[in-house]
C-alpha atoms as a PDB file:
ATOM      1  CA  UNK A   1      70.864 -88.939  -3.384  1.00  0.00           C
ATOM      2  CA  UNK A   2      73.923 -88.705  -1.287  1.00  0.00           C
ATOM      3  CA  UNK A   3      73.882 -89.059   2.405  1.00  0.00           C
ATOM      4  CA  UNK A   4      76.210 -87.763   4.756  1.00  0.00           C
ATOM      5  CA  UNK A   5      76.056 -89.995   7.725  1.00  0.00           C
ATOM      6  CA  UNK A   6      78.996 -91.904   7.204  1.00  0.00           C
ATOM      7  CA  UNK A   7      82.491 -92.416   7.999  1.00  0.00           C
ATOM      8  CA  UNK A   8      84.955 -94.018   5.532  1.00  0.00           C
ATOM      9  CA  UNK A   9      84.238 -97.137   4.585  1.00  0.00           C
ATOM     10  CA  UNK A  10      85.638-100.690   3.888  1.00  0.00           C
ATOM     11  CA  UNK A  11      87.382-101.195   0.157  1.00  0.00           C
ATOM     12  CA  UNK A  12      84.558-103.432  -0.550  1.00  0.00           C
ATOM     13  CA  UNK A  13      81.880-101.003   0.250  1.00  0.00           C
ATOM     14  CA  UNK A  14      78.999-100.029  -2.111  1.00  0.00           C
ATOM     15  CA  UNK A  15      79.419 -96.385  -0.980  1.00  0.00           C
ATOM     16  CA  UNK A  16      81.769 -93.655  -2.645  1.00  0.00           C
ATOM     17  CA  UNK A  17      82.585 -90.539  -0.979  1.00  0.00           C
ATOM     18  CA  UNK A  18      82.069 -87.321  -2.719  1.00  0.00           C
ATOM     19  CA  UNK A  19      82.325 -83.429  -1.313  1.00  0.00           C
ATOM     20  CA  UNK A  20      80.891 -80.055  -2.242  1.00  0.00           C
ATOM     21  CA  UNK A  21      81.611 -77.143  -0.289  1.00  0.00           C
ATOM     22  CA  UNK A  22      84.607 -78.888   1.987  1.00  0.00           C
ATOM     23  CA  UNK A  23      81.723 -81.266   3.504  1.00  0.00           C
ATOM     24  CA  UNK A  24      81.377 -84.910   2.523  1.00  0.00           C
ATOM     25  CA  UNK A  25      78.907 -87.054   1.317  1.00  0.00           C
ATOM     26  CA  UNK A  26      78.360 -90.592  -0.090  1.00  0.00           C
ATOM     27  CA  UNK A  27      77.040 -92.141  -3.316  1.00  0.00           C
ATOM     28  CA  UNK A  28      75.443 -95.705  -3.013  1.00  0.00           C
ATOM     29  CA  UNK A  29      76.569 -97.638  -6.538  1.00  0.00           C
ATOM     30  CA  UNK A  30      72.871 -98.606  -6.921  1.00  0.00           C
ATOM     31  CA  UNK A  31      72.318 -95.413  -8.244  1.00  0.00           C
ATOM     32  CA  UNK A  32      73.743 -96.271 -11.654  1.00  0.00           C
ATOM     33  CA  UNK A  33      77.485 -97.150 -12.619  1.00  0.00           C
ATOM     34  CA  UNK A  34      79.954 -94.938 -14.158  1.00  0.00           C
ATOM     35  CA  UNK A  35      80.053 -94.638 -17.977  1.00  0.00           C
ATOM     36  CA  UNK A  36      82.742 -93.830 -19.543  1.00  0.00           C
ATOM     37  CA  UNK A  37      81.776 -92.168 -22.571  1.00  0.00           C
ATOM     38  CA  UNK A  38      79.871 -89.173 -20.938  1.00  0.00           C
ATOM     39  CA  UNK A  39      83.470 -88.536 -19.291  1.00  0.00           C
ATOM     40  CA  UNK A  40      86.703 -86.815 -20.147  1.00  0.00           C
ATOM     41  CA  UNK A  41      90.031 -85.916 -18.542  1.00  0.00           C
ATOM     42  CA  UNK A  42      91.360 -82.715 -19.543  1.00  0.00           C
ATOM     43  CA  UNK A  43      94.691 -81.260 -18.148  1.00  0.00           C
ATOM     44  CA  UNK A  44      93.577 -77.958 -16.223  1.00  0.00           C
ATOM     45  CA  UNK A  45      95.309 -74.499 -15.910  1.00  0.00           C
ATOM     46  CA  UNK A  46      96.001 -73.534 -11.956  1.00  0.00           C
ATOM     47  CA  UNK A  47      93.176 -70.966 -11.994  1.00  0.00           C
ATOM     48  CA  UNK A  48      90.877 -73.717 -12.725  1.00  0.00           C
ATOM     49  CA  UNK A  49      92.061 -75.873 -10.322  1.00  0.00           C
ATOM     50  CA  UNK A  50      92.736 -74.182  -7.593  1.00  0.00           C
ATOM     51  CA  UNK A  51      88.999 -72.587  -7.057  1.00  0.00           C
ATOM     52  CA  UNK A  52      87.459 -75.868  -7.596  1.00  0.00           C
ATOM     53  CA  UNK A  53      89.945 -77.814  -4.826  1.00  0.00           C
ATOM     54  CA  UNK A  54      89.559 -74.725  -2.323  1.00  0.00           C
ATOM     55  CA  UNK A  55      85.771 -74.670  -2.556  1.00  0.00           C
ATOM     56  CA  UNK A  56      85.212 -78.553  -2.214  1.00  0.00           C
ATOM     57  CA  UNK A  57      88.096 -79.800  -0.703  1.00  0.00           C
ATOM     58  CA  UNK A  58      87.949 -80.613   3.342  1.00  0.00           C
ATOM     59  CA  UNK A  59      91.229 -78.986   3.510  1.00  0.00           C
ATOM     60  CA  UNK A  60      90.238 -75.588   1.918  1.00  0.00           C
ATOM     61  CA  UNK A  61      94.122 -75.021   0.511  1.00  0.00           C
ATOM     62  CA  UNK A  62      95.653 -75.675  -2.669  1.00  0.00           C
ATOM     63  CA  UNK A  63      99.246 -76.965  -2.981  1.00  0.00           C
ATOM     64  CA  UNK A  64     102.551 -77.008  -4.833  1.00  0.00           C
ATOM     65  CA  UNK A  65     101.518 -78.336  -8.009  1.00  0.00           C
ATOM     66  CA  UNK A  66     103.282 -79.393 -11.436  1.00  0.00           C
ATOM     67  CA  UNK A  67     100.371 -81.180 -13.057  1.00  0.00           C
ATOM     68  CA  UNK A  68      96.549 -80.611 -12.513  1.00  0.00           C
ATOM     69  CA  UNK A  69      93.844 -82.856 -14.448  1.00  0.00           C
ATOM     70  CA  UNK A  70      89.957 -82.092 -14.278  1.00  0.00           C
ATOM     71  CA  UNK A  71      87.324 -84.763 -14.804  1.00  0.00           C
ATOM     72  CA  UNK A  72      84.384 -83.132 -17.045  1.00  0.00           C
ATOM     73  CA  UNK A  73      81.064 -84.446 -17.328  1.00  0.00           C
ATOM     74  CA  UNK A  74      80.067 -84.121 -21.192  1.00  0.00           C
ATOM     75  CA  UNK A  75      76.399 -83.376 -20.906  1.00  0.00           C
ATOM     76  CA  UNK A  76      74.747 -82.171 -24.270  1.00  0.00           C
ATOM     77  CA  UNK A  77      77.748 -80.830 -25.766  1.00  0.00           C
ATOM     78  CA  UNK A  78      78.870 -79.022 -22.711  1.00  0.00           C
ATOM     79  CA  UNK A  79      81.743 -80.020 -20.406  1.00  0.00           C
ATOM     80  CA  UNK A  80      81.386 -79.566 -16.443  1.00  0.00           C
ATOM     81  CA  UNK A  81      84.141 -79.930 -14.241  1.00  0.00           C
ATOM     82  CA  UNK A  82      83.320 -82.210 -11.535  1.00  0.00           C
ATOM     83  CA  UNK A  83      86.688 -83.686 -10.190  1.00  0.00           C
ATOM     84  CA  UNK A  84      90.300 -82.516 -10.071  1.00  0.00           C
ATOM     85  CA  UNK A  85      93.444 -84.401  -9.240  1.00  0.00           C
ATOM     86  CA  UNK A  86      96.625 -82.707  -8.172  1.00  0.00           C
ATOM     87  CA  UNK A  87     100.292 -83.907  -8.450  1.00  0.00           C
ATOM     88  CA  UNK A  88     102.974 -81.953  -7.194  1.00  0.00           C
ATOM     89  CA  UNK A  89     105.787 -80.955  -4.900  1.00  0.00           C
ATOM     90  CA  UNK A  90     105.681 -82.156  -1.007  1.00  0.00           C
ATOM     91  CA  UNK A  91     107.199 -80.349   1.611  1.00  0.00           C
ATOM     92  CA  UNK A  92     110.438 -82.167   1.126  1.00  0.00           C
ATOM     93  CA  UNK A  93     112.437 -84.369  -1.868  1.00  0.00           C
ATOM     94  CA  UNK A  94     112.471 -87.087   0.924  1.00  0.00           C
ATOM     95  CA  UNK A  95     108.765 -87.934   0.840  1.00  0.00           C
ATOM     96  CA  UNK A  96     109.447 -89.221  -3.217  1.00  0.00           C
ATOM     97  CA  UNK A  97     113.101 -90.074  -2.488  1.00  0.00           C
ATOM     98  CA  UNK A  98     112.419 -92.664   0.541  1.00  0.00           C
ATOM     99  CA  UNK A  99     109.943 -94.445  -1.817  1.00  0.00           C
ATOM    100  CA  UNK A 100     111.113 -94.431  -4.963  1.00  0.00           C
ATOM    101  CA  UNK A 101     115.334 -94.054  -4.385  1.00  0.00           C
ATOM    102  CA  UNK A 102     116.050 -94.399  -8.116  1.00  0.00           C
ATOM    103  CA  UNK A 103     113.517 -91.649  -9.383  1.00  0.00           C
ATOM    104  CA  UNK A 104     114.301 -87.556  -9.907  1.00  0.00           C
ATOM    105  CA  UNK A 105     112.067 -86.257  -7.174  1.00  0.00           C
ATOM    106  CA  UNK A 106     109.700 -83.338  -8.696  1.00  0.00           C
ATOM    107  CA  UNK A 107     110.372 -85.072 -12.459  1.00  0.00           C
ATOM    108  CA  UNK A 108     109.887 -88.499 -12.294  1.00  0.00           C
ATOM    109  CA  UNK A 109     107.851 -89.073  -8.946  1.00  0.00           C
ATOM    110  CA  UNK A 110     105.647 -86.729  -7.787  1.00  0.00           C
ATOM    111  CA  UNK A 111     103.012 -86.526  -4.606  1.00  0.00           C
ATOM    112  CA  UNK A 112      99.403 -86.775  -5.390  1.00  0.00           C
ATOM    113  CA  UNK A 113      98.107 -84.182  -2.999  1.00  0.00           C
ATOM    114  CA  UNK A 114      94.391 -83.515  -3.991  1.00  0.00           C
ATOM    115  CA  UNK A 115      92.156 -85.898  -5.063  1.00  0.00           C
ATOM    116  CA  UNK A 116      88.108 -84.369  -5.113  1.00  0.00           C
ATOM    117  CA  UNK A 117      85.260 -85.512  -6.713  1.00  0.00           C
ATOM    118  CA  UNK A 118      81.613 -84.049  -6.235  1.00  0.00           C
ATOM    119  CA  UNK A 119      78.489 -85.829  -5.849  1.00  0.00           C
ATOM    120  CA  UNK A 120      77.722 -84.962  -9.707  1.00  0.00           C
ATOM    121  CA  UNK A 121      80.043 -88.132 -10.239  1.00  0.00           C
ATOM    122  CA  UNK A 122      78.335 -91.782 -10.238  1.00  0.00           C
ATOM    123  CA  UNK A 123      80.153 -94.720  -8.235  1.00  0.00           C
ATOM    124  CA  UNK A 124      83.541 -95.902  -9.417  1.00  0.00           C
ATOM    125  CA  UNK A 125      84.179 -92.601 -10.841  1.00  0.00           C
ATOM    126  CA  UNK A 126      87.435 -92.604  -9.079  1.00  0.00           C
ATOM    127  CA  UNK A 127      89.183 -95.319 -10.425  1.00  0.00           C
ATOM    128  CA  UNK A 128      88.460 -94.620 -14.074  1.00  0.00           C
ATOM    129  CA  UNK A 129      89.955 -90.716 -13.264  1.00  0.00           C
ATOM    130  CA  UNK A 130      92.564 -91.935 -11.546  1.00  0.00           C
ATOM    131  CA  UNK A 131      93.873 -94.238 -14.472  1.00  0.00           C
ATOM    132  CA  UNK A 132      93.504 -91.535 -17.056  1.00  0.00           C
ATOM    133  CA  UNK A 133      95.654 -89.067 -14.754  1.00  0.00           C
ATOM    134  CA  UNK A 134      98.273 -92.186 -14.664  1.00  0.00           C
ATOM    135  CA  UNK A 135      98.425 -92.347 -18.628  1.00  0.00           C
ATOM    136  CA  UNK A 136      98.718 -88.464 -18.958  1.00  0.00           C
ATOM    137  CA  UNK A 137     101.375 -88.583 -16.476  1.00  0.00           C
ATOM    138  CA  UNK A 138     103.259 -91.678 -17.807  1.00  0.00           C
ATOM    139  CA  UNK A 139     103.409 -89.899 -21.091  1.00  0.00           C
ATOM    140  CA  UNK A 140     105.141 -86.733 -19.231  1.00  0.00           C
ATOM    141  CA  UNK A 141     107.693 -88.758 -17.919  1.00  0.00           C
ATOM    142  CA  UNK A 142     106.388 -89.200 -14.692  1.00  0.00           C
ATOM    143  CA  UNK A 143     107.024 -93.135 -12.859  1.00  0.00           C
ATOM    144  CA  UNK A 144     106.180 -93.078  -9.368  1.00  0.00           C
ATOM    145  CA  UNK A 145     103.652 -91.263  -7.351  1.00  0.00           C
ATOM    146  CA  UNK A 146     103.112 -91.171  -3.547  1.00  0.00           C
ATOM    147  CA  UNK A 147     100.239 -90.118  -1.677  1.00  0.00           C
ATOM    148  CA  UNK A 148      98.857 -90.112   2.067  1.00  0.00           C
ATOM    149  CA  UNK A 149      95.492 -91.075   3.923  1.00  0.00           C
ATOM    150  CA  UNK A 150      95.204 -89.176   6.713  1.00  0.00           C
ATOM    151  CA  UNK A 151      93.263 -91.505   9.241  1.00  0.00           C
ATOM    152  CA  UNK A 152      92.614 -89.239  12.405  1.00  0.00           C
ATOM    153  CA  UNK A 153      88.921 -87.596  12.545  1.00  0.00           C
ATOM    154  CA  UNK A 154      89.061 -84.327  13.063  1.00  0.00           C
ATOM    155  CA  UNK A 155      86.239 -81.866  14.336  1.00  0.00           C
ATOM    156  CA  UNK A 156      86.204 -77.834  14.731  1.00  0.00           C
ATOM    157  CA  UNK A 157      85.743 -75.862  18.068  1.00  0.00           C
ATOM    158  CA  UNK A 158      81.843 -76.434  17.389  1.00  0.00           C
ATOM    159  CA  UNK A 159      82.416 -80.124  17.436  1.00  0.00           C
ATOM    160  CA  UNK A 160      81.249 -80.418  13.518  1.00  0.00           C
ATOM    161  CA  UNK A 161      83.457 -82.818  11.884  1.00  0.00           C
ATOM    162  CA  UNK A 162      85.875 -81.302   9.336  1.00  0.00           C
ATOM    163  CA  UNK A 163      87.548 -85.113   8.173  1.00  0.00           C
ATOM    164  CA  UNK A 164      86.050 -87.855   8.797  1.00  0.00           C
ATOM    165  CA  UNK A 165      89.391 -89.956   9.209  1.00  0.00           C
ATOM    166  CA  UNK A 166      90.665 -91.806   5.690  1.00  0.00           C
ATOM    167  CA  UNK A 167      92.493 -95.321   5.565  1.00  0.00           C
ATOM    168  CA  UNK A 168      93.056 -94.516   1.336  1.00  0.00           C
ATOM    169  CA  UNK A 169      90.033 -96.363   0.039  1.00  0.00           C
ATOM    170  CA  UNK A 170      90.665 -95.333  -3.249  1.00  0.00           C
ATOM    171  CA  UNK A 171      94.385 -96.119  -3.299  1.00  0.00           C
ATOM    172  CA  UNK A 172      93.678 -99.661  -1.930  1.00  0.00           C
ATOM    173  CA  UNK A 173      90.833-100.298  -5.006  1.00  0.00           C
ATOM    174  CA  UNK A 174      93.291 -99.363  -7.540  1.00  0.00           C
ATOM    175  CA  UNK A 175      96.165-101.876  -6.174  1.00  0.00           C
ATOM    176  CA  UNK A 176      98.740 -99.027  -4.656  1.00  0.00           C
ATOM    177  CA  UNK A 177     101.310-100.600  -2.835  1.00  0.00           C
ATOM    178  CA  UNK A 178     101.194 -99.785   1.008  1.00  0.00           C
ATOM    179  CA  UNK A 179     104.047 -98.555   2.480  1.00  0.00           C
ATOM    180  CA  UNK A 180     103.252 -98.233   6.242  1.00  0.00           C
ATOM    181  CA  UNK A 181     102.965 -95.225   8.471  1.00  0.00           C
ATOM    182  CA  UNK A 182     104.955 -92.238   8.140  1.00  0.00           C
ATOM    183  CA  UNK A 183     106.708 -90.741  10.992  1.00  0.00           C
ATOM    184  CA  UNK A 184     104.550 -90.075  14.005  1.00  0.00           C
ATOM    185  CA  UNK A 185     104.474 -86.224  14.795  1.00  0.00           C
ATOM    186  CA  UNK A 186     102.833 -83.430  16.806  1.00  0.00           C
ATOM    187  CA  UNK A 187     100.712 -81.059  14.661  1.00  0.00           C
ATOM    188  CA  UNK A 188      98.705 -77.573  15.188  1.00  0.00           C
ATOM    189  CA  UNK A 189      95.217 -78.278  15.316  1.00  0.00           C
ATOM    190  CA  UNK A 190      93.434 -74.923  14.698  1.00  0.00           C
ATOM    191  CA  UNK A 191      89.653 -74.361  15.700  1.00  0.00           C
ATOM    192  CA  UNK A 192      88.700 -74.597  12.150  1.00  0.00           C
ATOM    193  CA  UNK A 193      89.442 -78.520  12.305  1.00  0.00           C
ATOM    194  CA  UNK A 194      92.231 -77.677   9.940  1.00  0.00           C
ATOM    195  CA  UNK A 195      96.034 -78.985  10.485  1.00  0.00           C
ATOM    196  CA  UNK A 196      98.538 -75.896  10.496  1.00  0.00           C
ATOM    197  CA  UNK A 197     101.553 -78.484   8.983  1.00  0.00           C
ATOM    198  CA  UNK A 198     104.934 -77.583   9.618  1.00  0.00           C
ATOM    199  CA  UNK A 199     105.560 -76.498   5.659  1.00  0.00           C
ATOM    200  CA  UNK A 200     103.269 -74.027   6.202  1.00  0.00           C
ATOM    201  CA  UNK A 201     104.476 -72.850   9.177  1.00  0.00           C
ATOM    202  CA  UNK A 202     107.989 -72.701   7.948  1.00  0.00           C
ATOM    203  CA  UNK A 203     106.261 -70.600   5.095  1.00  0.00           C
ATOM    204  CA  UNK A 204     105.207 -67.955   7.754  1.00  0.00           C
ATOM    205  CA  UNK A 205     108.345 -67.875   9.377  1.00  0.00           C
ATOM    206  CA  UNK A 206     110.681 -67.518   6.490  1.00  0.00           C
ATOM    207  CA  UNK A 207     108.433 -65.857   4.403  1.00  0.00           C
ATOM    208  CA  UNK A 208     108.497 -68.319   1.690  1.00  0.00           C
ATOM    209  CA  UNK A 209     105.945 -67.686  -1.124  1.00  0.00           C
ATOM    210  CA  UNK A 210     102.448 -68.622   0.200  1.00  0.00           C
ATOM    211  CA  UNK A 211     103.029 -67.646   3.528  1.00  0.00           C
ATOM    212  CA  UNK A 212     100.157 -65.076   2.949  1.00  0.00           C
ATOM    213  CA  UNK A 213      97.456 -67.933   2.418  1.00  0.00           C
ATOM    214  CA  UNK A 214      98.366 -69.040   6.220  1.00  0.00           C
ATOM    215  CA  UNK A 215      98.532 -65.495   7.674  1.00  0.00           C
ATOM    216  CA  UNK A 216      95.071 -64.804   6.291  1.00  0.00           C
ATOM    217  CA  UNK A 217      93.694 -67.825   7.384  1.00  0.00           C
ATOM    218  CA  UNK A 218      94.938 -67.435  11.435  1.00  0.00           C
ATOM    219  CA  UNK A 219      93.838 -63.610  11.475  1.00  0.00           C
ATOM    220  CA  UNK A 220      90.477 -64.519  10.284  1.00  0.00           C
ATOM    221  CA  UNK A 221      90.573 -67.410  13.445  1.00  0.00           C
ATOM    222  CA  UNK A 222      91.555 -64.231  15.358  1.00  0.00           C
ATOM    223  CA  UNK A 223      95.043 -63.869  15.469  1.00  0.00           C
ATOM    224  CA  UNK A 224      96.262 -60.192  15.449  1.00  0.00           C
ATOM    225  CA  UNK A 225      97.509 -58.335  12.134  1.00  0.00           C
ATOM    226  CA  UNK A 226     101.079 -58.709  11.682  1.00  0.00           C
ATOM    227  CA  UNK A 227     102.560 -55.232  13.299  1.00  0.00           C
ATOM    228  CA  UNK A 228     105.145 -53.542  10.836  1.00  0.00           C
ATOM    229  CA  UNK A 229     108.876 -54.871  11.550  1.00  0.00           C
ATOM    230  CA  UNK A 230     107.559 -58.016  13.678  1.00  0.00           C
ATOM    231  CA  UNK A 231     109.552 -60.909  13.563  1.00  0.00           C
ATOM    232  CA  UNK A 232     107.663 -63.628  11.735  1.00  0.00           C
ATOM    233  CA  UNK A 233     108.832 -66.373  14.064  1.00  0.00           C
ATOM    234  CA  UNK A 234     107.281 -64.231  17.179  1.00  0.00           C
ATOM    235  CA  UNK A 235     104.085 -63.320  15.112  1.00  0.00           C
ATOM    236  CA  UNK A 236     103.373 -66.875  14.394  1.00  0.00           C
ATOM    237  CA  UNK A 237     104.125 -68.360  18.004  1.00  0.00           C
ATOM    238  CA  UNK A 238     101.144 -65.296  19.226  1.00  0.00           C
ATOM    239  CA  UNK A 239      99.033 -66.135  16.763  1.00  0.00           C
ATOM    240  CA  UNK A 240      98.981 -69.783  17.550  1.00  0.00           C
ATOM    241  CA  UNK A 241      98.559 -68.900  21.100  1.00  0.00           C
ATOM    242  CA  UNK A 242      95.613 -66.078  20.356  1.00  0.00           C
ATOM    243  CA  UNK A 243      93.397 -68.508  17.988  1.00  0.00           C
ATOM    244  CA  UNK A 244      93.574 -71.133  20.495  1.00  0.00           C
ATOM    245  CA  UNK A 245      95.289 -73.838  18.391  1.00  0.00           C
ATOM    246  CA  UNK A 246      96.055 -77.055  20.114  1.00  0.00           C
ATOM    247  CA  UNK A 247      98.731 -79.681  19.748  1.00  0.00           C
ATOM    248  CA  UNK A 248      97.618 -82.893  18.852  1.00  0.00           C
ATOM    249  CA  UNK A 249      99.801 -86.281  18.925  1.00  0.00           C
ATOM    250  CA  UNK A 250      99.524 -88.031  15.657  1.00  0.00           C
ATOM    251  CA  UNK A 251     100.690 -91.717  14.827  1.00  0.00           C
ATOM    252  CA  UNK A 252     101.201 -91.034  11.185  1.00  0.00           C
ATOM    253  CA  UNK A 253      99.257 -91.351   7.846  1.00  0.00           C
ATOM    254  CA  UNK A 254      99.312 -94.082   5.775  1.00  0.00           C
ATOM    255  CA  UNK A 255     101.694 -93.980   2.903  1.00  0.00           C
ATOM    256  CA  UNK A 256     100.985 -95.359  -0.644  1.00  0.00           C
ATOM    257  CA  UNK A 257     102.925 -96.017  -3.323  1.00  0.00           C
ATOM    258  CA  UNK A 258     102.134 -96.013  -7.554  1.00  0.00           C
ATOM    259  CA  UNK A 259     104.513 -97.687  -9.888  1.00  0.00           C
ATOM    260  CA  UNK A 260     103.743 -96.399 -13.582  1.00  0.00           C
ATOM    261  CA  UNK A 261     104.746 -98.079 -16.892  1.00  0.00           C
ATOM    262  CA  UNK A 262     103.397 -99.505 -20.048  1.00  0.00           C
ATOM    263  CA  UNK A 263     103.124-103.029 -18.442  1.00  0.00           C
ATOM    264  CA  UNK A 264     103.735-105.279 -15.755  1.00  0.00           C
ATOM    265  CA  UNK A 265     107.500-105.417 -16.326  1.00  0.00           C
ATOM    266  CA  UNK A 266     108.147-101.997 -16.383  1.00  0.00           C
ATOM    267  CA  UNK A 267     106.026-101.423 -13.325  1.00  0.00           C
ATOM    268  CA  UNK A 268     107.852-103.828 -11.372  1.00  0.00           C
ATOM    269  CA  UNK A 269     111.864-102.646 -12.882  1.00  0.00           C
ATOM    270  CA  UNK A 270     110.975 -99.594 -10.691  1.00  0.00           C
ATOM    271  CA  UNK A 271     112.685-100.230  -7.102  1.00  0.00           C
ATOM    272  CA  UNK A 272     110.477 -99.376  -3.958  1.00  0.00           C
ATOM    273  CA  UNK A 273     113.104 -97.994  -0.906  1.00  0.00           C
ATOM    274  CA  UNK A 274     110.422 -98.698   1.698  1.00  0.00           C
ATOM    275  CA  UNK A 275     109.109-102.079   3.117  1.00  0.00           C
ATOM    276  CA  UNK A 276     105.721-103.292   1.867  1.00  0.00           C
ATOM    277  CA  UNK A 277     103.453-102.319   4.791  1.00  0.00           C
ATOM    278  CA  UNK A 278     101.584-105.960   4.686  1.00  0.00           C
ATOM    279  CA  UNK A 279      97.811-105.835   4.672  1.00  0.00           C
ATOM    280  CA  UNK A 280      95.719-102.466   3.794  1.00  0.00           C
ATOM    281  CA  UNK A 281      94.400-100.793   6.927  1.00  0.00           C
ATOM    282  CA  UNK A 282      90.759-100.903   7.196  1.00  0.00           C
ATOM    283  CA  UNK A 283      89.668 -98.587   9.627  1.00  0.00           C
ATOM    284  CA  UNK A 284      90.207 -95.139  10.515  1.00  0.00           C
ATOM    285  CA  UNK A 285      92.112 -94.345  13.782  1.00  0.00           C
ATOM    286  CA  UNK A 286      90.244 -93.538  17.566  1.00  0.00           C
ATOM    287  CA  UNK A 287      89.871 -90.060  17.934  1.00  0.00           C
ATOM    288  CA  UNK A 288      93.274 -88.829  18.908  1.00  0.00           C
ATOM    289  CA  UNK A 289      93.515 -86.659  22.164  1.00  0.00           C
ATOM    290  CA  UNK A 290      94.666 -83.202  22.642  1.00  0.00           C
ATOM    291  CA  UNK A 291      97.811 -83.147  24.424  1.00  0.00           C
ATOM    292  CA  UNK A 292      98.225 -79.543  25.254  1.00  0.00           C
ATOM    293  CA  UNK A 293      97.853 -75.917  23.979  1.00  0.00           C
END
C-alpha cells in the first residue's frame, strides 16, 4: 500500500512517488515491478488530460499543451487512465531556445510541463511511460525536451504539505542532462500553497486567454470579485493583498534536458546552449523563508 510520510528520495531509492487528488504518496518496489504487457500509451484529447491533471497534480492547474499522452492500465479488456504526461508551451520561447538554440521552439522543442501517475501504477512505471512518450514525440518531429523540478517544499496556510520539494528524480533516473538552476526570483505564494507565477499574473493583467482560472482561484481564496471597468492590474494588486499572498525568495528551479533521436549519434548532434550542470542534485532545498507580504 502507498505511504505518505516521505519527502523526495535519492535516485537509487526503492520508493516511487504517486499522486491522487493533489496529495502525494509513495510505492515501494517490493510491491511488484512494472509489466509492460499490462499497459499502453495513447495520445489524449485535452479535455481528458486536463480533467486528470487538475484533479491529481499538486498544482491543480493545466498548462498550455501541444501534446498530451495517457498511460492506460489494461485490465480484462478495459483501459483505465492512470497517468498523464503533458508537453507544451512554456512562458517564453527563451525557456526552449537557451538549452536548444538550434531547434525551433514550440515545434522541435517543448517543455514537459506535467507528469503525474496515480498509486495504481506499480514501481518503475515512470521510465517506461516517459520513454514511450519520447517515441511518440520523435515521430512528430520533436527533438528536444526541457523540464524543471522545483526543490522548494511548500505548505498552505494551515501548515499542510502541498509540495514536498523535487530534485528531479525521474529525470535523473532516465539520464536527462542536468543544466543547473534557472534564474533566482521572488514568487507570490498563495494561502493554498500554490505559487502564482509571473506568466499567470500577466494573463490577469493583460486579460489574456486563461486569466479566468487565476481570477477564480484568487476569488475562492477571498479576493473581491472584479468591479465593472476596473483596471486588471489594480485588481490583481488588491486581490493579492486581500488573500494574504506572501513574497517568497526562490533560488531557482532545477533544469533538465533530453535530446531525442533514433540513436546516440542523432542525439549527440543536437547542440546544447547551456553548460552541463555537473552532478545531479540529491536533496530538496531547506524551507525558504517568507521575505514580505
